[in-house]
Amino acid sequence: MITIKQVEAFYWAAKLGTVQRAATKLHVTQSAATKRLQELERISAAPLFESSGRKAALTPKGQELLELCESFLAATARLEEIKASAKNVARVLHIGITELVALTWFPSLVRRLNSVYPHVTLQPDVDLSASLRDKVLDGRLDFAVLPEAYATPAMATVKLQSVKFSWICPVGAFDTGKVVSLQDLASLPLIEQDAGSGLTALCETLYAQAGIEPHRVSGSNSLVALAGLVEAGVGVSCVPLHLFDQEISQKRLQLVHTDPPAPSITYVASFLKQHQAALGYAVADIARQCCDFGPRHGQPRRRRPA
């Protein structure tokens, strides 16, 4: 008789590519995961994985079984959701967010989730977009809020909001109110996040389309730190405007209007289609209700560095 543990071991070995990754995902030893796969192969009376190669490549029989397992695990997840709701079963939800989400509406999401799911413990992970995507795909995150461009066909997505970004520069670097070309903007170093940032990728595309290769400064993965480097006169950067309206009004930073304008980013709630999909859609619906990238009411004002 096939067990859920055997199905899970097979599913994650097929999805993640190795038995070791499947074992890590399931919190078991590699030998335990291997044993479950061997048991399932004996029941299937046919090899499920190709014998050659380091990655767990599926045989035709294995591919057929994977499709059945996906449907089975999706149905099991829905049943678990019903059971958890009825019995208030405690669980941990690993949720990934970007810094912008953490600085704006994530507290609202936490409060709403705690109200609707009081027995669910949130374990947040703040990271760059590319890293969040990879963590969802390999099972380290159950759910993530990330730019739409980073979603893959393996993910279910629920669209949230678009965020307008703006260029900022040291005060006096350009004439106030003047529309600046990207060529002129490139006269100052570009302070950016690492390559895994969705914002960095968009800015690279803008410059590339204009045929410009700016002098790049890898400043920080923190939006607040980027703005601090701009204020210090290091260069220009692209940030969510509303986060730094105070610094702009105090003339510590200067807003730059460019042609073409700074990019916008559309965010989505994302999770694997076949893994706890019912919970994923429920959390995504709450995220859609809470999502607000505007300034938080009562957000503490940042003090000017001494």
C-alpha atoms as a PDB file:
ATOM      1  CA  MET A   1       0.000   0.000   0.000  1.00  0.00           C
ATOM      2  CA  ILE A   2       1.352   3.421  -0.994  1.00  0.00           C
ATOM      3  CA  THR A   3       1.766   5.886   1.860  1.00  0.00           C
ATOM      4  CA  ILE A   4       1.703   9.686   1.868  1.00  0.00           C
ATOM      5  CA  LYS A   5       5.320   9.720   3.068  1.00  0.00           C
ATOM      6  CA  GLN A   6       6.390   7.721   0.016  1.00  0.00           C
ATOM      7  CA  VAL A   7       4.455  10.025  -2.313  1.00  0.00           C
ATOM      8  CA  GLU A   8       5.968  13.138  -0.699  1.00  0.00           C
ATOM      9  CA  ALA A   9       9.494  11.737  -0.973  1.00  0.00           C
ATOM     10  CA  PHE A  10       8.973  10.967  -4.652  1.00  0.00           C
ATOM     11  CA  TYR A  11       7.286  14.301  -5.414  1.00  0.00           C
ATOM     12  CA  TRP A  12      10.003  16.447  -3.837  1.00  0.00           C
ATOM     13  CA  ALA A  13      12.861  14.368  -5.247  1.00  0.00           C
ATOM     14  CA  ALA A  14      11.355  14.871  -8.701  1.00  0.00           C
ATOM     15  CA  LYS A  15      10.676  18.593  -8.163  1.00  0.00           C
ATOM     16  CA  LEU A  16      13.930  19.530  -6.416  1.00  0.00           C
ATOM     17  CA  GLY A  17      16.200  17.293  -8.478  1.00  0.00           C
ATOM     18  CA  THR A  18      17.964  15.266  -5.770  1.00  0.00           C
ATOM     19  CA  VAL A  19      17.059  12.959  -2.914  1.00  0.00           C
ATOM     20  CA  GLN A  20      19.128  15.089  -0.523  1.00  0.00           C
ATOM     21  CA  ARG A  21      17.059  18.203  -1.270  1.00  0.00           C
ATOM     22  CA  ALA A  22      13.862  16.212  -0.854  1.00  0.00           C
ATOM     23  CA  ALA A  23      15.080  14.919   2.498  1.00  0.00           C
ATOM     24  CA  THR A  24      15.924  18.458   3.639  1.00  0.00           C
ATOM     25  CA  LYS A  25      12.492  19.690   2.582  1.00  0.00           C
ATOM     26  CA  LEU A  26      10.760  16.851   4.459  1.00  0.00           C
ATOM     27  CA  HIS A  27      13.032  17.158   7.524  1.00  0.00           C
ATOM     28  CA  VAL A  28      14.196  13.532   7.302  1.00  0.00           C
ATOM     29  CA  THR A  29      17.546  11.885   6.691  1.00  0.00           C
ATOM     30  CA  GLN A  30      18.655  11.094   3.166  1.00  0.00           C
ATOM     31  CA  SER A  31      18.591   7.392   3.944  1.00  0.00           C
ATOM     32  CA  ALA A  32      14.953   7.647   5.114  1.00  0.00           C
ATOM     33  CA  ALA A  33      13.970   9.441   1.909  1.00  0.00           C
ATOM     34  CA  THR A  34      15.867   6.872  -0.183  1.00  0.00           C
ATOM     35  CA  LYS A  35      14.073   4.030   1.602  1.00  0.00           C
ATOM     36  CA  ARG A  36      10.675   5.565   0.856  1.00  0.00           C
ATOM     37  CA  LEU A  37      11.570   5.924  -2.821  1.00  0.00           C
ATOM     38  CA  GLN A  38      12.761   2.324  -3.003  1.00  0.00           C
ATOM     39  CA  GLU A  39       9.524   1.147  -1.412  1.00  0.00           C
ATOM     40  CA  LEU A  40       7.493   3.137  -3.928  1.00  0.00           C
ATOM     41  CA  GLU A  41       9.483   1.703  -6.853  1.00  0.00           C
ATOM     42  CA  ARG A  42       8.850  -1.827  -5.608  1.00  0.00           C
ATOM     43  CA  ILE A  43       5.115  -1.142  -5.440  1.00  0.00           C
ATOM     44  CA  SER A  44       5.192   0.462  -8.908  1.00  0.00           C
ATOM     45  CA  ALA A  45       7.090  -2.549 -10.286  1.00  0.00           C
ATOM     46  CA  ALA A  46       9.084  -0.217 -12.559  1.00  0.00           C
ATOM     47  CA  PRO A  47      11.974   2.235 -12.221  1.00  0.00           C
ATOM     48  CA  LEU A  48      10.826   5.786 -11.521  1.00  0.00           C
ATOM     49  CA  PHE A  49      14.186   7.534 -11.983  1.00  0.00           C
ATOM     50  CA  GLU A  50      16.859   7.192 -14.637  1.00  0.00           C
ATOM     51  CA  SER A  51      19.916   5.391 -13.294  1.00  0.00           C
ATOM     52  CA  SER A  52      22.438   7.761 -14.905  1.00  0.00           C
ATOM     53  CA  GLY A  53      23.208  11.327 -13.888  1.00  0.00           C
ATOM     54  CA  ARG A  54      23.379  13.079 -10.533  1.00  0.00           C
ATOM     55  CA  LYS A  55      19.965  14.744 -10.835  1.00  0.00           C
ATOM     56  CA  ALA A  56      16.804  12.735 -10.267  1.00  0.00           C
ATOM     57  CA  ALA A  57      15.602  12.521 -13.891  1.00  0.00           C
ATOM     58  CA  LEU A  58      12.267  10.751 -14.272  1.00  0.00           C
ATOM     59  CA  THR A  59      11.531   7.742 -16.451  1.00  0.00           C
ATOM     60  CA  PRO A  60       8.285   7.808 -18.492  1.00  0.00           C
ATOM     61  CA  LYS A  61       6.675   5.779 -15.701  1.00  0.00           C
ATOM     62  CA  GLY A  62       7.983   8.273 -13.164  1.00  0.00           C
ATOM     63  CA  GLN A  63       6.578  11.217 -15.127  1.00  0.00           C
ATOM     64  CA  GLU A  64       3.194   9.526 -15.250  1.00  0.00           C
ATOM     65  CA  LEU A  65       3.282   8.914 -11.511  1.00  0.00           C
ATOM     66  CA  LEU A  66       4.372  12.519 -10.827  1.00  0.00           C
ATOM     67  CA  GLU A  67       1.228  13.862 -12.476  1.00  0.00           C
ATOM     68  CA  LEU A  68      -0.905  11.609 -10.288  1.00  0.00           C
ATOM     69  CA  CYS A  69       1.050  12.606  -7.179  1.00  0.00           C
ATOM     70  CA  GLU A  70       0.551  16.317  -7.880  1.00  0.00           C
ATOM     71  CA  SER A  71      -3.218  15.881  -7.952  1.00  0.00           C
ATOM     72  CA  PHE A  72      -3.121  13.652  -4.881  1.00  0.00           C
ATOM     73  CA  LEU A  73      -1.010  16.072  -2.820  1.00  0.00           C
ATOM     74  CA  ALA A  74      -3.159  19.028  -3.866  1.00  0.00           C
ATOM     75  CA  ALA A  75      -6.263  17.196  -2.664  1.00  0.00           C
ATOM     76  CA  THR A  76      -4.502  16.163   0.539  1.00  0.00           C
ATOM     77  CA  ALA A  77      -3.472  19.769   1.187  1.00  0.00           C
ATOM     78  CA  ARG A  78      -7.066  20.929   0.819  1.00  0.00           C
ATOM     79  CA  LEU A  79      -8.217  18.271   3.284  1.00  0.00           C
ATOM     80  CA  GLU A  80      -5.494  19.322   5.714  1.00  0.00           C
ATOM     81  CA  GLU A  81      -6.695  22.912   5.465  1.00  0.00           C
ATOM     82  CA  ILE A  82     -10.219  21.849   6.355  1.00  0.00           C
ATOM     83  CA  LYS A  83      -8.944  19.762   9.254  1.00  0.00           C
ATOM     84  CA  ALA A  84      -6.659  22.520  10.498  1.00  0.00           C
ATOM     85  CA  SER A  85      -9.467  25.039  10.369  1.00  0.00           C
ATOM     86  CA  ALA A  86     -11.761  22.765  12.324  1.00  0.00           C
ATOM     87  CA  LYS A  87      -9.246  21.715  14.951  1.00  0.00           C
ATOM     88  CA  ASN A  88      -7.048  24.831  15.110  1.00  0.00           C
ATOM     89  CA  VAL A  89      -3.936  22.818  14.340  1.00  0.00           C
ATOM     90  CA  ALA A  90      -0.743  24.828  14.889  1.00  0.00           C
ATOM     91  CA  ARG A  91       1.566  25.277  11.904  1.00  0.00           C
ATOM     92  CA  VAL A  92       4.445  27.464  10.687  1.00  0.00           C
ATOM     93  CA  LEU A  93       4.098  29.568   7.532  1.00  0.00           C
ATOM     94  CA  HIS A  94       7.421  30.517   5.913  1.00  0.00           C
ATOM     95  CA  ILE A  95       6.746  33.772   4.071  1.00  0.00           C
ATOM     96  CA  GLY A  96       9.218  35.730   1.963  1.00  0.00           C
ATOM     97  CA  ILE A  97       9.046  39.485   1.397  1.00  0.00           C
ATOM     98  CA  THR A  98      11.181  42.239  -0.077  1.00  0.00           C
ATOM     99  CA  GLU A  99      12.398  45.154   2.014  1.00  0.00           C
ATOM    100  CA  LEU A 100       9.774  47.444   0.474  1.00  0.00           C
ATOM    101  CA  VAL A 101       6.966  45.163   1.696  1.00  0.00           C
ATOM    102  CA  ALA A 102       8.557  45.013   5.147  1.00  0.00           C
ATOM    103  CA  LEU A 103       8.716  48.820   5.308  1.00  0.00           C
ATOM    104  CA  THR A 104       5.114  49.390   4.219  1.00  0.00           C
ATOM    105  CA  TRP A 105       2.182  46.996   4.626  1.00  0.00           C
ATOM    106  CA  PHE A 106       3.679  43.823   6.121  1.00  0.00           C
ATOM    107  CA  PRO A 107       2.649  44.777   9.710  1.00  0.00           C
ATOM    108  CA  SER A 108      -0.957  45.035   8.492  1.00  0.00           C
ATOM    109  CA  LEU A 109      -0.694  41.587   6.905  1.00  0.00           C
ATOM    110  CA  VAL A 110       0.687  40.090  10.112  1.00  0.00           C
ATOM    111  CA  ARG A 111      -2.152  41.527  12.188  1.00  0.00           C
ATOM    112  CA  ARG A 112      -4.796  40.228   9.774  1.00  0.00           C
ATOM    113  CA  LEU A 113      -3.234  36.758   9.533  1.00  0.00           C
ATOM    114  CA  ASN A 114      -2.957  36.525  13.313  1.00  0.00           C
ATOM    115  CA  SER A 115      -6.640  37.376  13.531  1.00  0.00           C
ATOM    116  CA  VAL A 116      -7.817  34.904  10.876  1.00  0.00           C
ATOM    117  CA  TYR A 117      -5.303  32.133  11.637  1.00  0.00           C
ATOM    118  CA  PRO A 118      -4.392  32.494  15.328  1.00  0.00           C
ATOM    119  CA  HIS A 119      -2.650  29.100  15.387  1.00  0.00           C
ATOM    120  CA  VAL A 120      -0.402  29.844  12.412  1.00  0.00           C
ATOM    121  CA  THR A 121       3.092  31.083  13.303  1.00  0.00           C
ATOM    122  CA  LEU A 122       4.675  33.346  10.699  1.00  0.00           C
ATOM    123  CA  GLN A 123       8.357  33.000   9.938  1.00  0.00           C
ATOM    124  CA  PRO A 124       9.304  35.920   7.646  1.00  0.00           C
ATOM    125  CA  ASP A 125      12.330  36.045   5.369  1.00  0.00           C
ATOM    126  CA  VAL A 126      13.353  39.451   3.943  1.00  0.00           C
ATOM    127  CA  ASP A 127      15.492  39.016   0.835  1.00  0.00           C
ATOM    128  CA  LEU A 128      16.046  40.088  -2.767  1.00  0.00           C
ATOM    129  CA  SER A 129      13.528  39.071  -5.415  1.00  0.00           C
ATOM    130  CA  ALA A 130      15.626  36.422  -7.166  1.00  0.00           C
ATOM    131  CA  SER A 131      16.467  34.730  -3.890  1.00  0.00           C
ATOM    132  CA  LEU A 132      12.819  34.710  -2.775  1.00  0.00           C
ATOM    133  CA  ARG A 133      11.816  33.094  -6.068  1.00  0.00           C
ATOM    134  CA  ASP A 134      14.433  30.360  -5.663  1.00  0.00           C
ATOM    135  CA  LYS A 135      13.351  29.693  -2.078  1.00  0.00           C
ATOM    136  CA  VAL A 136       9.739  29.230  -3.163  1.00  0.00           C
ATOM    137  CA  LEU A 137      10.759  26.874  -5.961  1.00  0.00           C
ATOM    138  CA  ASP A 138      12.921  24.659  -3.746  1.00  0.00           C
ATOM    139  CA  GLY A 139      10.396  24.547  -0.924  1.00  0.00           C
ATOM    140  CA  ARG A 140      12.179  26.714   1.647  1.00  0.00           C
ATOM    141  CA  LEU A 141       9.328  29.245   1.508  1.00  0.00           C
ATOM    142  CA  ASP A 142       5.620  28.456   1.474  1.00  0.00           C
ATOM    143  CA  PHE A 143       4.654  31.881   0.156  1.00  0.00           C
ATOM    144  CA  ALA A 144       6.330  35.048  -1.122  1.00  0.00           C
ATOM    145  CA  VAL A 145       5.492  38.577  -2.212  1.00  0.00           C
ATOM    146  CA  LEU A 146       7.775  39.494  -5.100  1.00  0.00           C
ATOM    147  CA  PRO A 147       7.817  41.346  -8.449  1.00  0.00           C
ATOM    148  CA  GLU A 148       5.632  39.739 -11.100  1.00  0.00           C
ATOM    149  CA  ALA A 149       8.618  39.350 -13.442  1.00  0.00           C
ATOM    150  CA  TYR A 150      10.141  36.791 -11.053  1.00  0.00           C
ATOM    151  CA  ALA A 151       7.147  34.433 -11.022  1.00  0.00           C
ATOM    152  CA  THR A 152       7.561  31.142 -12.919  1.00  0.00           C
ATOM    153  CA  PRO A 153       5.026  28.719 -14.473  1.00  0.00           C
ATOM    154  CA  ALA A 154       5.413  26.465 -11.423  1.00  0.00           C
ATOM    155  CA  MET A 155       3.943  29.201  -9.223  1.00  0.00           C
ATOM    156  CA  ALA A 156       0.379  30.280  -8.659  1.00  0.00           C
ATOM    157  CA  THR A 157       0.186  34.077  -8.491  1.00  0.00           C
ATOM    158  CA  VAL A 158      -2.307  36.676  -7.301  1.00  0.00           C
ATOM    159  CA  LYS A 159      -1.673  40.235  -8.519  1.00  0.00           C
ATOM    160  CA  LEU A 160      -1.379  42.850  -5.782  1.00  0.00           C
ATOM    161  CA  GLN A 161      -0.289  46.421  -6.670  1.00  0.00           C
ATOM    162  CA  SER A 162       2.134  48.345  -8.830  1.00  0.00           C
ATOM    163  CA  VAL A 163       4.731  50.625  -7.245  1.00  0.00           C
ATOM    164  CA  LYS A 164       6.129  53.762  -8.903  1.00  0.00           C
ATOM    165  CA  PHE A 165       9.839  54.346  -8.409  1.00  0.00           C
ATOM    166  CA  SER A 166      11.745  57.624  -8.854  1.00  0.00           C
ATOM    167  CA  TRP A 167      15.325  58.761  -9.340  1.00  0.00           C
ATOM    168  CA  ILE A 168      17.000  60.712  -6.547  1.00  0.00           C
ATOM    169  CA  CYS A 169      20.295  62.588  -6.577  1.00  0.00           C
ATOM    170  CA  PRO A 170      22.412  64.751  -4.268  1.00  0.00           C
ATOM    171  CA  VAL A 171      20.910  68.219  -3.818  1.00  0.00           C
ATOM    172  CA  GLY A 172      22.099  70.574  -6.562  1.00  0.00           C
ATOM    173  CA  ALA A 173      23.363  67.856  -8.900  1.00  0.00           C
ATOM    174  CA  PHE A 174      20.761  68.840 -11.531  1.00  0.00           C
ATOM    175  CA  ASP A 175      18.546  71.876 -12.047  1.00  0.00           C
ATOM    176  CA  THR A 176      15.349  71.560 -10.021  1.00  0.00           C
ATOM    177  CA  GLY A 177      12.371  70.644 -12.180  1.00  0.00           C
ATOM    178  CA  LYS A 178      14.473  69.969 -15.274  1.00  0.00           C
ATOM    179  CA  VAL A 179      13.746  66.761 -17.215  1.00  0.00           C
ATOM    180  CA  VAL A 180      17.034  64.874 -17.351  1.00  0.00           C
ATOM    181  CA  SER A 181      18.050  62.326 -19.977  1.00  0.00           C
ATOM    182  CA  LEU A 182      19.533  58.991 -18.950  1.00  0.00           C
ATOM    183  CA  GLN A 183      22.751  60.139 -20.616  1.00  0.00           C
ATOM    184  CA  ASP A 184      22.898  63.124 -18.259  1.00  0.00           C
ATOM    185  CA  LEU A 185      21.890  60.947 -15.316  1.00  0.00           C
ATOM    186  CA  ALA A 186      24.801  58.626 -16.123  1.00  0.00           C
ATOM    187  CA  SER A 187      27.218  61.497 -15.452  1.00  0.00           C
ATOM    188  CA  LEU A 188      26.896  60.438 -11.809  1.00  0.00           C
ATOM    189  CA  PRO A 189      27.603  56.912 -10.505  1.00  0.00           C
ATOM    190  CA  LEU A 190      24.597  54.607 -10.278  1.00  0.00           C
ATOM    191  CA  ILE A 191      24.152  53.291  -6.727  1.00  0.00           C
ATOM    192  CA  GLU A 192      22.291  49.994  -6.899  1.00  0.00           C
ATOM    193  CA  GLN A 193      21.400  46.803  -5.081  1.00  0.00           C
ATOM    194  CA  ASP A 194      22.836  43.398  -5.975  1.00  0.00           C
ATOM    195  CA  ALA A 195      21.936  41.604  -9.200  1.00  0.00           C
ATOM    196  CA  GLY A 196      19.159  39.640  -7.471  1.00  0.00           C
ATOM    197  CA  SER A 197      17.091  42.803  -7.050  1.00  0.00           C
ATOM    198  CA  GLY A 198      14.117  43.320  -9.341  1.00  0.00           C
ATOM    199  CA  LEU A 199      14.723  47.067  -9.235  1.00  0.00           C
ATOM    200  CA  THR A 200      18.348  46.636 -10.301  1.00  0.00           C
ATOM    201  CA  ALA A 201      17.262  44.462 -13.229  1.00  0.00           C
ATOM    202  CA  LEU A 202      14.760  47.083 -14.425  1.00  0.00           C
ATOM    203  CA  CYS A 203      17.288  49.919 -14.194  1.00  0.00           C
ATOM    204  CA  GLU A 204      19.831  47.853 -16.126  1.00  0.00           C
ATOM    205  CA  THR A 205      17.240  47.358 -18.857  1.00  0.00           C
ATOM    206  CA  LEU A 206      16.520  51.095 -19.035  1.00  0.00           C
ATOM    207  CA  TYR A 207      20.181  51.966 -19.424  1.00  0.00           C
ATOM    208  CA  ALA A 208      20.785  49.146 -21.914  1.00  0.00           C
ATOM    209  CA  GLN A 209      17.881  50.271 -24.098  1.00  0.00           C
ATOM    210  CA  ALA A 210      19.425  53.742 -24.167  1.00  0.00           C
ATOM    211  CA  GLY A 211      22.825  52.274 -25.080  1.00  0.00           C
ATOM    212  CA  ILE A 212      24.411  53.601 -21.882  1.00  0.00           C
ATOM    213  CA  GLU A 213      26.836  51.842 -19.558  1.00  0.00           C
ATOM    214  CA  PRO A 214      26.886  53.839 -16.294  1.00  0.00           C
ATOM    215  CA  HIS A 215      29.542  53.647 -13.630  1.00  0.00           C
ATOM    216  CA  ARG A 216      27.972  51.276 -11.113  1.00  0.00           C
ATOM    217  CA  VAL A 217      28.388  51.348  -7.354  1.00  0.00           C
ATOM    218  CA  SER A 218      27.113  48.330  -5.413  1.00  0.00           C
ATOM    219  CA  GLY A 219      25.867  50.354  -2.494  1.00  0.00           C
ATOM    220  CA  SER A 220      23.614  48.168  -0.363  1.00  0.00           C
ATOM    221  CA  ASN A 221      20.620  45.880  -0.536  1.00  0.00           C
ATOM    222  CA  SER A 222      18.837  48.287   1.823  1.00  0.00           C
ATOM    223  CA  LEU A 223      16.720  51.032   0.240  1.00  0.00           C
ATOM    224  CA  VAL A 224      17.337  53.246   3.262  1.00  0.00           C
ATOM    225  CA  ALA A 225      21.107  52.801   2.908  1.00  0.00           C
ATOM    226  CA  LEU A 226      20.915  53.626  -0.819  1.00  0.00           C
ATOM    227  CA  ALA A 227      19.209  56.916   0.014  1.00  0.00           C
ATOM    228  CA  GLY A 228      21.873  57.629   2.639  1.00  0.00           C
ATOM    229  CA  LEU A 229      24.627  57.146   0.063  1.00  0.00           C
ATOM    230  CA  VAL A 230      22.846  59.486  -2.337  1.00  0.00           C
ATOM    231  CA  GLU A 231      22.554  62.121   0.412  1.00  0.00           C
ATOM    232  CA  ALA A 232      26.287  61.723   1.028  1.00  0.00           C
ATOM    233  CA  GLY A 233      26.945  62.642  -2.613  1.00  0.00           C
ATOM    234  CA  VAL A 234      28.094  59.233  -3.870  1.00  0.00           C
ATOM    235  CA  GLY A 235      25.747  59.145  -6.884  1.00  0.00           C
ATOM    236  CA  VAL A 236      22.143  58.643  -8.027  1.00  0.00           C
ATOM    237  CA  SER A 237      19.721  55.842  -7.223  1.00  0.00           C
ATOM    238  CA  CYS A 238      16.189  54.660  -7.962  1.00  0.00           C
ATOM    239  CA  VAL A 239      13.885  54.259  -4.949  1.00  0.00           C
ATOM    240  CA  PRO A 240      10.178  54.233  -4.001  1.00  0.00           C
ATOM    241  CA  LEU A 241       9.475  57.973  -3.822  1.00  0.00           C
ATOM    242  CA  HIS A 242       7.018  57.954  -0.914  1.00  0.00           C
ATOM    243  CA  LEU A 243       9.557  56.377   1.436  1.00  0.00           C
ATOM    244  CA  PHE A 244      11.781  59.439   1.173  1.00  0.00           C
ATOM    245  CA  ASP A 245       9.340  62.345   0.801  1.00  0.00           C
ATOM    246  CA  GLN A 246      10.541  63.748   4.126  1.00  0.00           C
ATOM    247  CA  GLU A 247      14.185  63.843   3.020  1.00  0.00           C
ATOM    248  CA  ILE A 248      13.163  65.462  -0.280  1.00  0.00           C
ATOM    249  CA  SER A 249      11.009  68.121   1.434  1.00  0.00           C
ATOM    250  CA  GLN A 250      13.924  68.865   3.802  1.00  0.00           C
ATOM    251  CA  LYS A 251      16.204  69.246   0.746  1.00  0.00           C
ATOM    252  CA  ARG A 252      18.438  66.438   1.887  1.00  0.00           C
ATOM    253  CA  LEU A 253      17.679  64.577  -1.352  1.00  0.00           C
ATOM    254  CA  GLN A 254      16.593  65.863  -4.758  1.00  0.00           C
ATOM    255  CA  LEU A 255      13.958  64.280  -6.983  1.00  0.00           C
ATOM    256  CA  VAL A 256      15.079  63.841 -10.589  1.00  0.00           C
ATOM    257  CA  HIS A 257      12.537  63.785 -13.442  1.00  0.00           C
ATOM    258  CA  THR A 258      13.901  61.697 -16.302  1.00  0.00           C
ATOM    259  CA  ASP A 259      13.025  60.822 -19.883  1.00  0.00           C
ATOM    260  CA  PRO A 260      12.293  57.934 -20.002  1.00  0.00           C
ATOM    261  CA  PRO A 261      10.771  57.968 -16.520  1.00  0.00           C
ATOM    262  CA  ALA A 262      11.804  55.676 -13.680  1.00  0.00           C
ATOM    263  CA  PRO A 263      10.257  52.174 -13.805  1.00  0.00           C
ATOM    264  CA  SER A 264       7.243  50.759 -12.009  1.00  0.00           C
ATOM    265  CA  ILE A 265       7.092  47.276 -10.470  1.00  0.00           C
ATOM    266  CA  THR A 266       3.988  45.114 -10.152  1.00  0.00           C
ATOM    267  CA  TYR A 267       4.015  42.817  -7.117  1.00  0.00           C
ATOM    268  CA  VAL A 268       2.292  39.448  -6.803  1.00  0.00           C
ATOM    269  CA  ALA A 269       1.617  36.937  -4.063  1.00  0.00           C
ATOM    270  CA  SER A 270       3.176  33.640  -5.174  1.00  0.00           C
ATOM    271  CA  PHE A 271       3.395  30.023  -4.049  1.00  0.00           C
ATOM    272  CA  LEU A 272       3.840  26.587  -5.608  1.00  0.00           C
ATOM    273  CA  LYS A 273       0.720  25.404  -7.418  1.00  0.00           C
ATOM    274  CA  GLN A 274       0.716  21.934  -5.921  1.00  0.00           C
ATOM    275  CA  HIS A 275       1.998  22.598  -2.397  1.00  0.00           C
ATOM    276  CA  GLN A 276      -0.503  23.826   0.208  1.00  0.00           C
ATOM    277  CA  ALA A 277      -2.321  25.659  -2.593  1.00  0.00           C
ATOM    278  CA  ALA A 278      -5.482  26.160  -0.534  1.00  0.00           C
ATOM    279  CA  LEU A 279      -3.560  27.978   2.201  1.00  0.00           C
ATOM    280  CA  GLY A 280      -1.614  29.894  -0.431  1.00  0.00           C
ATOM    281  CA  TYR A 281      -4.749  31.298  -2.047  1.00  0.00           C
ATOM    282  CA  ALA A 282      -6.218  32.151   1.359  1.00  0.00           C
ATOM    283  CA  VAL A 283      -3.092  34.066   2.415  1.00  0.00           C
ATOM    284  CA  ALA A 284      -2.883  35.713  -1.012  1.00  0.00           C
ATOM    285  CA  ASP A 285      -6.439  36.999  -0.651  1.00  0.00           C
ATOM    286  CA  ILE A 286      -5.567  38.516   2.732  1.00  0.00           C
ATOM    287  CA  ALA A 287      -2.394  40.013   1.211  1.00  0.00           C
ATOM    288  CA  ARG A 288      -4.469  41.566  -1.569  1.00  0.00           C
ATOM    289  CA  GLN A 289      -6.729  43.202   1.016  1.00  0.00           C
ATOM    290  CA  CYS A 290      -3.793  44.502   3.092  1.00  0.00           C
ATOM    291  CA  CYS A 291      -1.497  45.539   0.258  1.00  0.00           C
ATOM    292  CA  ASP A 292      -0.754  49.275   0.369  1.00  0.00           C
ATOM    293  CA  PHE A 293       2.648  50.506  -0.758  1.00  0.00           C
ATOM    294  CA  GLY A 294       1.864  54.063   0.299  1.00  0.00           C
ATOM    295  CA  PRO A 295       3.242  55.570   3.526  1.00  0.00           C
ATOM    296  CA  ARG A 296       2.061  53.810   6.646  1.00  0.00           C
ATOM    297  CA  HIS A 297      -0.186  55.796   8.951  1.00  0.00           C
ATOM    298  CA  GLY A 298       1.872  56.756  11.961  1.00  0.00           C
ATOM    299  CA  GLN A 299       5.114  55.551  10.384  1.00  0.00           C
ATOM    300  CA  PRO A 300       7.998  56.815  12.530  1.00  0.00           C
ATOM    301  CA  ARG A 301       9.990  59.588  10.876  1.00  0.00           C
ATOM    302  CA  ARG A 302      13.634  58.884  10.221  1.00  0.00           C
ATOM    303  CA  ARG A 303      16.029  61.207  11.980  1.00  0.00           C
ATOM    304  CA  ARG A 304      18.778  62.962  10.155  1.00  0.00           C
ATOM    305  CA  PRO A 305      22.127  61.276  10.895  1.00  0.00           C
ATOM    306  CA  ALA A 306      24.281  63.223  13.378  1.00  0.00           C
END
